[in-house]
Amino acid sequence: MGQGTQPSGDAGHGSHRRGILISFSFLLAIAVVVIAAQVLRPVLQEPSASVPPPSTAVPSTLPTFRPGAPLDRIRSVSLDFDIVDNLHTDWQGVDARLDQVGATTVNLNAGRVEFTAFDWPAHPDAAAVPGVDHLAVAANALHLNADGSDREINLILDTYVPEWIKEDPSLAGVDARGRRSTYTASAAQILEGEVGQRLRDYAVALADRYHPNQIEVTELFLNVFSFGADDLALYQRMTGAKDWPRSKGGEINTDAPALGTWRSEVLRDFMAKMRTAVDAVEGGSQIELALDVRVSWRDPAGGRPESGHDYAILLESGIRLQLWTYFGRAGQPPEQIRSVTAALKDAGFDMTRFIISVGLWKGDTQVENLDSISAAELGVAVGEAATNGIIDVNVTPYSLMTDAHWASLETAWG
């Protein structure tokens, strides 16, 4: 995510001088005013291209983030945090794009607990840009559909904590070889530690301040960095086992099914705690909670237990699941998404509990210049996603959408 900065104030002037120096200062001040007026004139004449003024909006001044009645067809687009926290974002342009494709819902990235989209009173030093409520700015621009009806607004909570881990490496998850993560906390920290507590606190703050339609929790995976001493102690307490599953050679069996079940139970219990915390907010029980999860193309209904994403276990927490059907990254054709929805239906799941997310990324995400799926592929993918009882389809991220992608999505969703 982009780092926000706040301009520093000017230093105080030195002592005043007399005579010619006073006259020079006076003329200089006039010149500064004239120049400033010329610079500001285009901004004042063209509001759509100007930088939005800092917003300190409080919840009472915000538009509604959710319509009065549930929608029977949900089509959402997710906005990156670098767009949400950018003071130069053309929000009228964003709104026009959402109107163009008939998006019923917009998902705004609210940042991380260490880099927030507004001034969080509990942690004011974490604000991306102190004094600016980026979510209020976005919401006021995007809350209405073209026909004047309310557009649903969801908020995304990113669980990565890289800066916090830099300050306290003991919070980090550890892999089977003893290497610490630079982004993710340990399973024990997420379920029982201060990291998990702050994540729940942030969800509560978002719920209380904005009353969003849904809070989406993202980047929560336990497949690699969940083998530290604190995680072993948690594993022993939760399963009754004396040690990690091990191979005949004595190495940790990182592929043991028992680990996938345990990791999924950790995330289930964490999300259940978050559900309880959000429910305690006035009107909180009306706010949906969703967790982003990975997809298995070989066993779609089984989920990805190795990541902690056993769908059946996670759904026990009373949340929804947003499936990352990112076919471009998996080397799959877009038509394969239909096989995912079919498998979920055949497994007897309540299909209203699933959101099918179509990601525009293509290829290895580790490369610097990541490619994206074609506009034609996007059109096919969103059509395949809305099958077998799926009513909620998401497209992400906004930043990768081109004119051709928007035109294709308009045709598919029109």
Protein backbone atom coordinates (compact mmCIF):
# COMPACT_ATOMS: atom_id res chain seq x y z
CA MET A 1 0.00 0.00 0.00
CA GLY A 2 1.17 3.53 -0.66
CA GLN A 3 2.55 5.48 2.22
CA GLY A 4 0.73 8.70 3.06
CA THR A 5 2.65 11.76 4.18
CA GLN A 6 1.61 14.97 5.79
CA PRO A 7 3.31 18.23 4.75
CA SER A 8 5.37 19.77 7.52
CA GLY A 9 4.65 23.28 8.67
CA ASP A 10 6.79 26.28 7.77
CA ALA A 11 9.49 27.39 10.19
CA GLY A 12 9.04 30.71 11.98
CA HIS A 13 10.51 33.88 10.47
CA GLY A 14 13.54 35.67 11.91
CA SER A 15 13.52 39.19 13.30
CA HIS A 16 11.98 42.01 11.24
CA ARG A 17 14.18 44.54 9.48
CA ARG A 18 13.55 48.13 8.61
CA GLY A 19 13.54 50.32 5.54
CA ILE A 20 14.18 48.65 2.23
CA LEU A 21 13.90 45.14 3.72
CA ILE A 22 10.36 45.87 4.88
CA SER A 23 9.41 47.10 1.42
CA PHE A 24 10.98 44.04 -0.18
CA SER A 25 9.09 41.71 2.16
CA PHE A 26 5.85 43.50 1.41
CA LEU A 27 6.33 43.23 -2.35
CA LEU A 28 7.35 39.61 -2.03
CA ALA A 29 4.18 38.81 -0.10
CA ILE A 30 2.06 40.41 -2.82
CA ALA A 31 3.89 38.38 -5.46
CA VAL A 32 3.26 35.16 -3.55
CA VAL A 33 -0.46 35.91 -3.34
CA VAL A 34 -0.67 36.66 -7.08
CA ILE A 35 1.22 33.50 -8.01
CA ALA A 36 -0.91 31.40 -5.66
CA ALA A 37 -4.07 32.78 -7.21
CA GLN A 38 -2.86 31.84 -10.68
CA VAL A 39 -1.92 28.34 -9.54
CA LEU A 40 -5.23 27.76 -7.79
CA ARG A 41 -7.39 29.13 -10.62
CA PRO A 42 -7.51 25.85 -12.62
CA VAL A 43 -8.30 23.93 -9.46
CA LEU A 44 -11.18 26.23 -8.61
CA GLN A 45 -12.49 26.15 -12.15
CA GLU A 46 -12.26 22.35 -12.52
CA PRO A 47 -13.54 20.67 -9.33
CA SER A 48 -13.50 17.18 -10.85
CA ALA A 49 -9.73 17.35 -11.32
CA SER A 50 -8.94 18.94 -7.97
CA VAL A 51 -7.62 17.26 -4.88
CA PRO A 52 -10.54 16.51 -2.52
CA PRO A 53 -10.33 18.56 0.65
CA PRO A 54 -9.43 16.68 3.82
CA SER A 55 -12.53 15.12 5.36
CA THR A 56 -13.13 14.70 9.06
CA ALA A 57 -16.63 13.36 8.50
CA VAL A 58 -18.16 11.53 11.41
CA PRO A 59 -20.63 8.65 11.00
CA SER A 60 -23.68 10.89 11.45
CA THR A 61 -22.79 12.76 8.24
CA LEU A 62 -22.12 9.67 6.16
CA PRO A 63 -24.48 8.22 3.55
CA THR A 64 -25.90 4.78 4.16
CA PHE A 65 -23.50 1.98 3.26
CA ARG A 66 -26.26 -0.56 2.72
CA PRO A 67 -29.70 -0.44 1.08
CA GLY A 68 -32.79 -1.12 3.13
CA ALA A 69 -33.54 -4.48 1.50
CA PRO A 70 -31.12 -7.26 0.51
CA LEU A 71 -30.28 -7.41 -3.17
CA ASP A 72 -31.18 -10.48 -5.19
CA ARG A 73 -28.26 -9.85 -7.58
CA ILE A 74 -24.93 -8.43 -6.39
CA ARG A 75 -22.21 -7.19 -8.73
CA SER A 76 -19.23 -5.58 -7.00
CA VAL A 77 -15.90 -3.98 -7.91
CA SER A 78 -13.02 -3.77 -5.43
CA LEU A 79 -10.90 -0.64 -5.08
CA ASP A 80 -7.23 -0.91 -4.10
CA PHE A 81 -6.03 0.98 -1.04
CA ASP A 82 -3.69 3.02 -3.24
CA ILE A 83 -6.81 4.40 -4.92
CA VAL A 84 -8.81 4.87 -1.73
CA ASP A 85 -6.08 6.81 0.08
CA ASN A 86 -4.95 8.87 -2.94
CA LEU A 87 -5.96 12.51 -2.57
CA HIS A 88 -5.86 12.86 -6.35
CA THR A 89 -8.36 10.05 -7.08
CA ASP A 90 -11.04 11.21 -9.51
CA TRP A 91 -14.05 9.96 -7.57
CA GLN A 92 -16.50 11.26 -10.16
CA GLY A 93 -14.66 9.15 -12.70
CA VAL A 94 -14.79 6.09 -10.44
CA ASP A 95 -18.51 6.60 -9.89
CA ALA A 96 -19.06 6.89 -13.65
CA ARG A 97 -17.29 3.57 -14.20
CA LEU A 98 -19.40 1.83 -11.57
CA ASP A 99 -22.53 3.28 -13.17
CA GLN A 100 -21.33 2.17 -16.60
CA VAL A 101 -21.24 -1.51 -15.62
CA GLY A 102 -24.23 -1.42 -13.28
CA ALA A 103 -22.21 -2.28 -10.18
CA THR A 104 -24.59 -2.64 -7.26
CA THR A 105 -21.74 -2.69 -4.76
CA VAL A 106 -18.29 -1.22 -4.25
CA ASN A 107 -15.64 -2.69 -1.96
CA LEU A 108 -13.34 -0.06 -0.42
CA ASN A 109 -10.01 -1.14 1.03
CA ALA A 110 -9.87 0.26 4.57
CA GLY A 111 -6.19 -0.55 5.01
CA ARG A 112 -4.42 -2.39 7.80
CA VAL A 113 -4.36 -1.95 11.56
CA GLU A 114 -0.98 -0.26 11.12
CA PHE A 115 -2.04 1.90 8.15
CA THR A 116 -5.65 3.01 8.41
CA ALA A 117 -7.96 4.86 6.03
CA PHE A 118 -9.12 7.27 8.73
CA ASP A 119 -8.05 8.60 12.12
CA TRP A 120 -8.62 5.61 14.38
CA PRO A 121 -8.85 7.07 17.89
CA ALA A 122 -7.39 3.92 19.43
CA HIS A 123 -4.27 4.17 17.23
CA PRO A 124 -4.04 7.71 15.80
CA ASP A 125 -0.45 7.19 14.67
CA ALA A 126 -1.61 4.58 12.17
CA ALA A 127 -3.54 6.99 9.94
CA ALA A 128 -2.44 6.96 6.29
CA VAL A 129 -3.03 10.71 6.10
CA PRO A 130 -3.86 12.27 9.49
CA GLY A 131 -7.00 14.36 9.36
CA VAL A 132 -8.42 12.72 6.23
CA ASP A 133 -11.23 10.20 6.27
CA HIS A 134 -10.65 8.49 2.94
CA LEU A 135 -13.61 6.17 3.36
CA ALA A 136 -15.97 9.09 3.94
CA VAL A 137 -14.64 10.85 0.84
CA ALA A 138 -15.14 7.71 -1.26
CA ALA A 139 -18.54 6.88 0.20
CA ASN A 140 -19.96 10.32 -0.41
CA ALA A 141 -18.93 10.07 -4.06
CA LEU A 142 -19.98 6.48 -4.72
CA HIS A 143 -23.04 5.76 -2.58
CA LEU A 144 -25.67 6.26 -5.29
CA ASN A 145 -26.34 4.21 -8.38
CA ALA A 146 -27.16 5.91 -11.67
CA ASP A 147 -30.89 5.54 -10.96
CA GLY A 148 -30.58 7.24 -7.57
CA SER A 149 -30.87 4.06 -5.51
CA ASP A 150 -28.37 3.30 -2.75
CA ARG A 151 -25.22 1.42 -3.70
CA GLU A 152 -23.92 -1.12 -1.21
CA ILE A 153 -20.52 -0.25 0.27
CA ASN A 154 -18.31 -2.98 1.69
CA LEU A 155 -15.05 -2.44 3.55
CA ILE A 156 -11.90 -4.56 3.21
CA LEU A 157 -9.66 -5.27 6.19
CA ASP A 158 -6.11 -6.35 5.26
CA THR A 159 -4.57 -8.55 7.97
CA TYR A 160 -0.90 -8.10 7.03
CA VAL A 161 1.23 -6.43 9.74
CA PRO A 162 4.74 -5.92 8.26
CA GLU A 163 5.58 -2.74 10.18
CA TRP A 164 4.45 -4.24 13.47
CA ILE A 165 6.59 -7.32 12.81
CA LYS A 166 9.60 -5.08 12.15
CA GLU A 167 9.10 -3.56 15.59
CA ASP A 168 8.45 -6.92 17.28
CA PRO A 169 9.65 -9.96 15.27
CA SER A 170 8.22 -12.32 17.91
CA LEU A 171 4.75 -11.67 16.46
CA ALA A 172 5.65 -13.19 13.11
CA GLY A 173 4.65 -16.60 11.91
CA VAL A 174 7.52 -19.09 11.54
CA ASP A 175 7.85 -21.72 8.82
CA ALA A 176 8.96 -25.34 9.27
CA ARG A 177 12.60 -24.33 8.70
CA GLY A 178 12.53 -21.63 11.35
CA ARG A 179 12.28 -18.60 9.06
CA ARG A 180 10.06 -15.73 10.17
CA SER A 181 7.43 -14.13 7.96
CA THR A 182 7.76 -10.45 7.15
CA TYR A 183 4.01 -9.95 6.65
CA THR A 184 1.91 -12.47 8.56
CA ALA A 185 1.49 -13.06 12.27
CA SER A 186 1.56 -16.52 13.79
CA ALA A 187 -1.58 -18.61 14.15
CA ALA A 188 -1.39 -18.18 17.91
CA GLN A 189 -1.15 -14.41 17.56
CA ILE A 190 -4.14 -14.33 15.25
CA LEU A 191 -6.34 -16.44 17.49
CA GLU A 192 -5.18 -15.50 20.98
CA GLY A 193 -2.62 -12.69 20.76
CA GLU A 194 -2.53 -8.92 20.51
CA VAL A 195 -2.49 -9.03 16.70
CA GLY A 196 -5.81 -10.87 16.59
CA GLN A 197 -7.23 -8.53 19.22
CA ARG A 198 -6.27 -5.45 17.23
CA LEU A 199 -7.72 -6.93 14.04
CA ARG A 200 -11.00 -7.50 15.86
CA ASP A 201 -10.83 -4.00 17.32
CA TYR A 202 -10.38 -2.54 13.86
CA ALA A 203 -13.36 -4.51 12.55
CA VAL A 204 -15.40 -3.12 15.43
CA ALA A 205 -14.20 0.42 14.66
CA LEU A 206 -15.22 0.03 11.01
CA ALA A 207 -18.59 -1.39 12.03
CA ASP A 208 -19.28 1.33 14.58
CA ARG A 209 -18.12 4.26 12.46
CA TYR A 210 -19.48 3.33 9.04
CA HIS A 211 -22.06 0.54 9.46
CA PRO A 212 -20.94 -1.03 6.17
CA ASN A 213 -22.89 -3.61 4.29
CA GLN A 214 -20.03 -6.08 4.77
CA ILE A 215 -16.53 -6.29 6.23
CA GLU A 216 -14.24 -8.45 4.12
CA VAL A 217 -11.15 -9.91 5.80
CA THR A 218 -8.29 -10.57 3.41
CA GLU A 219 -4.73 -11.95 3.26
CA LEU A 220 -5.32 -14.46 6.05
CA PHE A 221 -3.42 -17.67 5.25
CA LEU A 222 -1.71 -20.18 7.54
CA ASN A 223 -0.15 -22.60 5.05
CA VAL A 224 3.52 -21.63 5.50
CA PHE A 225 4.20 -19.58 8.60
CA SER A 226 2.45 -21.53 11.34
CA PHE A 227 5.22 -23.63 12.92
CA GLY A 228 6.61 -21.43 15.67
CA ALA A 229 6.82 -22.45 19.33
CA ASP A 230 3.64 -20.51 20.13
CA ASP A 231 1.83 -22.27 17.29
CA LEU A 232 2.99 -25.68 18.49
CA ALA A 233 1.63 -24.91 21.95
CA LEU A 234 -1.68 -23.87 20.37
CA TYR A 235 -1.75 -26.99 18.21
CA GLN A 236 -1.16 -29.18 21.26
CA ARG A 237 -3.97 -27.53 23.22
CA MET A 238 -6.48 -27.64 20.38
CA THR A 239 -5.78 -31.18 19.16
CA GLY A 240 -4.33 -33.02 22.16
CA ALA A 241 -1.30 -34.04 20.08
CA LYS A 242 2.14 -34.02 21.69
CA ASP A 243 4.02 -32.81 18.61
CA TRP A 244 3.67 -31.79 14.98
CA PRO A 245 2.93 -34.58 12.52
CA ARG A 246 6.30 -35.88 11.38
CA SER A 247 7.71 -38.01 8.58
CA LYS A 248 9.66 -41.20 9.13
CA GLY A 249 12.83 -39.12 8.97
CA GLY A 250 11.66 -36.92 11.83
CA GLU A 251 10.91 -33.83 9.76
CA ILE A 252 7.64 -31.96 10.17
CA ASN A 253 5.08 -33.33 7.72
CA THR A 254 3.84 -30.00 6.44
CA ASP A 255 1.27 -31.72 4.20
CA ALA A 256 -0.42 -33.71 6.97
CA PRO A 257 -4.23 -33.43 6.73
CA ALA A 258 -4.37 -32.87 10.50
CA LEU A 259 -2.60 -29.55 10.02
CA GLY A 260 -5.14 -28.38 7.46
CA THR A 261 -7.99 -29.19 9.81
CA TRP A 262 -6.28 -27.43 12.71
CA ARG A 263 -5.47 -24.31 10.69
CA SER A 264 -9.06 -24.09 9.45
CA GLU A 265 -10.31 -24.40 13.03
CA VAL A 266 -7.97 -21.58 14.07
CA LEU A 267 -9.40 -19.28 11.40
CA ARG A 268 -12.94 -20.45 12.14
CA ASP A 269 -12.54 -19.56 15.80
CA PHE A 270 -10.88 -16.24 14.98
CA MET A 271 -13.70 -15.23 12.63
CA ALA A 272 -16.27 -16.38 15.20
CA LYS A 273 -14.65 -14.01 17.71
CA MET A 274 -14.79 -11.20 15.18
CA ARG A 275 -18.42 -12.04 14.45
CA THR A 276 -19.24 -11.78 18.16
CA ALA A 277 -17.35 -8.50 18.49
CA VAL A 278 -19.10 -6.90 15.50
CA ASP A 279 -22.48 -8.16 16.71
CA ALA A 280 -21.93 -6.19 19.93
CA VAL A 281 -21.96 -2.93 17.96
CA GLU A 282 -25.38 -1.32 17.62
CA GLY A 283 -26.80 -2.77 14.39
CA GLY A 284 -23.72 -4.95 14.05
CA SER A 285 -25.67 -8.15 13.51
CA GLN A 286 -26.84 -6.70 10.18
CA ILE A 287 -23.25 -6.34 8.95
CA GLU A 288 -22.00 -9.31 6.97
CA LEU A 289 -18.54 -10.73 7.62
CA ALA A 290 -16.65 -12.39 4.78
CA LEU A 291 -13.27 -14.08 4.54
CA ASP A 292 -11.22 -14.22 1.35
CA VAL A 293 -10.25 -17.82 0.62
CA ARG A 294 -8.17 -19.67 -1.92
CA VAL A 295 -9.61 -22.14 -4.41
CA SER A 296 -8.63 -25.69 -5.25
CA TRP A 297 -9.24 -26.31 -8.96
CA ARG A 298 -8.90 -30.06 -8.39
CA ASP A 299 -11.27 -30.25 -5.41
CA PRO A 300 -13.31 -27.03 -5.41
CA ALA A 301 -15.74 -28.02 -2.66
CA GLY A 302 -12.92 -29.05 -0.34
CA GLY A 303 -11.31 -25.64 -0.39
CA ARG A 304 -7.67 -25.24 0.55
CA PRO A 305 -7.29 -26.75 4.06
CA GLU A 306 -3.49 -26.33 3.94
CA SER A 307 -4.09 -22.57 3.97
CA GLY A 308 -6.69 -22.88 6.72
CA HIS A 309 -9.45 -22.68 4.14
CA ASP A 310 -11.58 -25.77 4.62
CA TYR A 311 -14.88 -24.24 3.56
CA ALA A 312 -17.12 -26.48 5.65
CA ILE A 313 -15.17 -25.70 8.82
CA LEU A 314 -14.96 -21.95 8.15
CA LEU A 315 -18.68 -21.63 7.49
CA GLU A 316 -19.35 -22.87 11.02
CA SER A 317 -18.38 -19.37 12.22
CA GLY A 318 -21.44 -17.82 10.59
CA ILE A 319 -19.53 -15.85 7.96
CA ARG A 320 -19.50 -15.74 4.17
CA LEU A 321 -16.60 -16.83 1.96
CA GLN A 322 -15.23 -14.91 -0.99
CA LEU A 323 -13.53 -17.38 -3.33
CA TRP A 324 -10.47 -16.23 -5.23
CA THR A 325 -11.27 -17.81 -8.60
CA TYR A 326 -8.22 -16.16 -10.11
CA PHE A 327 -7.99 -18.38 -13.17
CA GLY A 328 -5.33 -16.19 -14.77
CA ARG A 329 -2.90 -16.93 -11.97
CA ALA A 330 -3.75 -20.62 -11.96
CA GLY A 331 -3.36 -21.10 -15.70
CA GLN A 332 -6.99 -22.14 -16.04
CA PRO A 333 -9.50 -21.09 -18.70
CA PRO A 334 -12.29 -18.78 -17.49
CA GLU A 335 -14.88 -21.45 -18.26
CA GLN A 336 -13.41 -23.51 -15.41
CA ILE A 337 -15.09 -21.22 -12.90
CA ARG A 338 -18.39 -22.94 -13.62
CA SER A 339 -16.90 -26.21 -12.38
CA VAL A 340 -16.18 -24.52 -9.07
CA THR A 341 -19.75 -23.31 -8.58
CA ALA A 342 -21.09 -26.70 -9.69
CA ALA A 343 -18.93 -28.52 -7.14
CA LEU A 344 -20.11 -26.23 -4.36
CA LYS A 345 -23.73 -26.84 -5.28
CA ASP A 346 -23.23 -30.60 -5.57
CA ALA A 347 -21.65 -30.62 -2.11
CA GLY A 348 -24.89 -29.24 -0.68
CA PHE A 349 -23.59 -25.82 0.41
CA ASP A 350 -25.88 -22.84 0.85
CA MET A 351 -24.80 -20.94 -2.26
CA THR A 352 -25.79 -17.57 -0.81
CA ARG A 353 -22.85 -17.90 1.57
CA PHE A 354 -20.36 -17.66 -1.30
CA ILE A 355 -19.00 -14.74 -3.30
CA ILE A 356 -17.16 -15.56 -6.50
CA SER A 357 -14.31 -13.10 -7.07
CA VAL A 358 -12.76 -12.77 -10.51
CA GLY A 359 -9.22 -11.39 -10.32
CA LEU A 360 -7.60 -9.67 -13.27
CA TRP A 361 -4.08 -10.84 -12.43
CA LYS A 362 -2.39 -13.24 -14.79
CA GLY A 363 0.78 -15.23 -14.26
CA ASP A 364 3.30 -15.12 -11.43
CA THR A 365 2.50 -12.36 -8.93
CA GLN A 366 6.17 -12.20 -7.94
CA VAL A 367 7.22 -10.58 -11.21
CA GLU A 368 7.46 -6.80 -11.34
CA ASN A 369 5.22 -6.21 -14.36
CA LEU A 370 2.33 -8.57 -13.82
CA ASP A 371 0.12 -9.26 -16.82
CA SER A 372 -3.67 -9.23 -16.71
CA ILE A 373 -6.42 -11.31 -18.26
CA SER A 374 -7.99 -10.05 -21.47
CA ALA A 375 -11.23 -8.12 -21.64
CA ALA A 376 -12.86 -11.05 -23.42
CA GLU A 377 -11.73 -13.44 -20.69
CA LEU A 378 -13.20 -11.15 -18.05
CA GLY A 379 -16.56 -11.16 -19.79
CA VAL A 380 -16.60 -14.95 -19.93
CA ALA A 381 -15.43 -15.30 -16.33
CA VAL A 382 -18.12 -13.15 -14.72
CA GLY A 383 -20.75 -15.02 -16.69
CA GLU A 384 -19.42 -18.39 -15.53
CA ALA A 385 -19.25 -17.09 -11.94
CA ALA A 386 -22.99 -16.35 -11.85
CA THR A 387 -23.99 -20.00 -12.15
CA ASN A 388 -25.38 -22.77 -9.95
CA GLY A 389 -27.09 -20.40 -7.55
CA ILE A 390 -24.30 -17.82 -7.11
CA ILE A 391 -25.84 -14.34 -6.88
CA ASP A 392 -22.76 -12.41 -5.67
CA VAL A 393 -19.94 -11.79 -8.17
CA ASN A 394 -16.91 -9.57 -7.58
CA VAL A 395 -14.27 -8.12 -9.91
CA THR A 396 -10.87 -7.04 -8.59
CA PRO A 397 -8.81 -4.88 -8.68
CA TYR A 398 -10.03 -1.56 -10.05
CA SER A 399 -6.47 -0.50 -10.85
CA LEU A 400 -6.04 -3.15 -13.56
CA MET A 401 -9.26 -2.32 -15.39
CA THR A 402 -8.77 -0.83 -18.87
CA ASP A 403 -11.34 0.76 -21.17
CA ALA A 404 -11.70 -2.61 -22.88
CA HIS A 405 -12.29 -4.37 -19.56
CA TRP A 406 -14.96 -1.87 -18.60
CA ALA A 407 -16.70 -2.29 -21.96
CA SER A 408 -16.63 -6.08 -21.61
CA LEU A 409 -17.99 -5.91 -18.06
CA GLU A 410 -20.72 -3.51 -19.17
CA THR A 411 -21.84 -6.05 -21.78
CA ALA A 412 -21.73 -8.94 -19.31
CA TRP A 413 -23.51 -7.13 -16.48
CA GLY A 414 -25.78 -4.93 -18.58
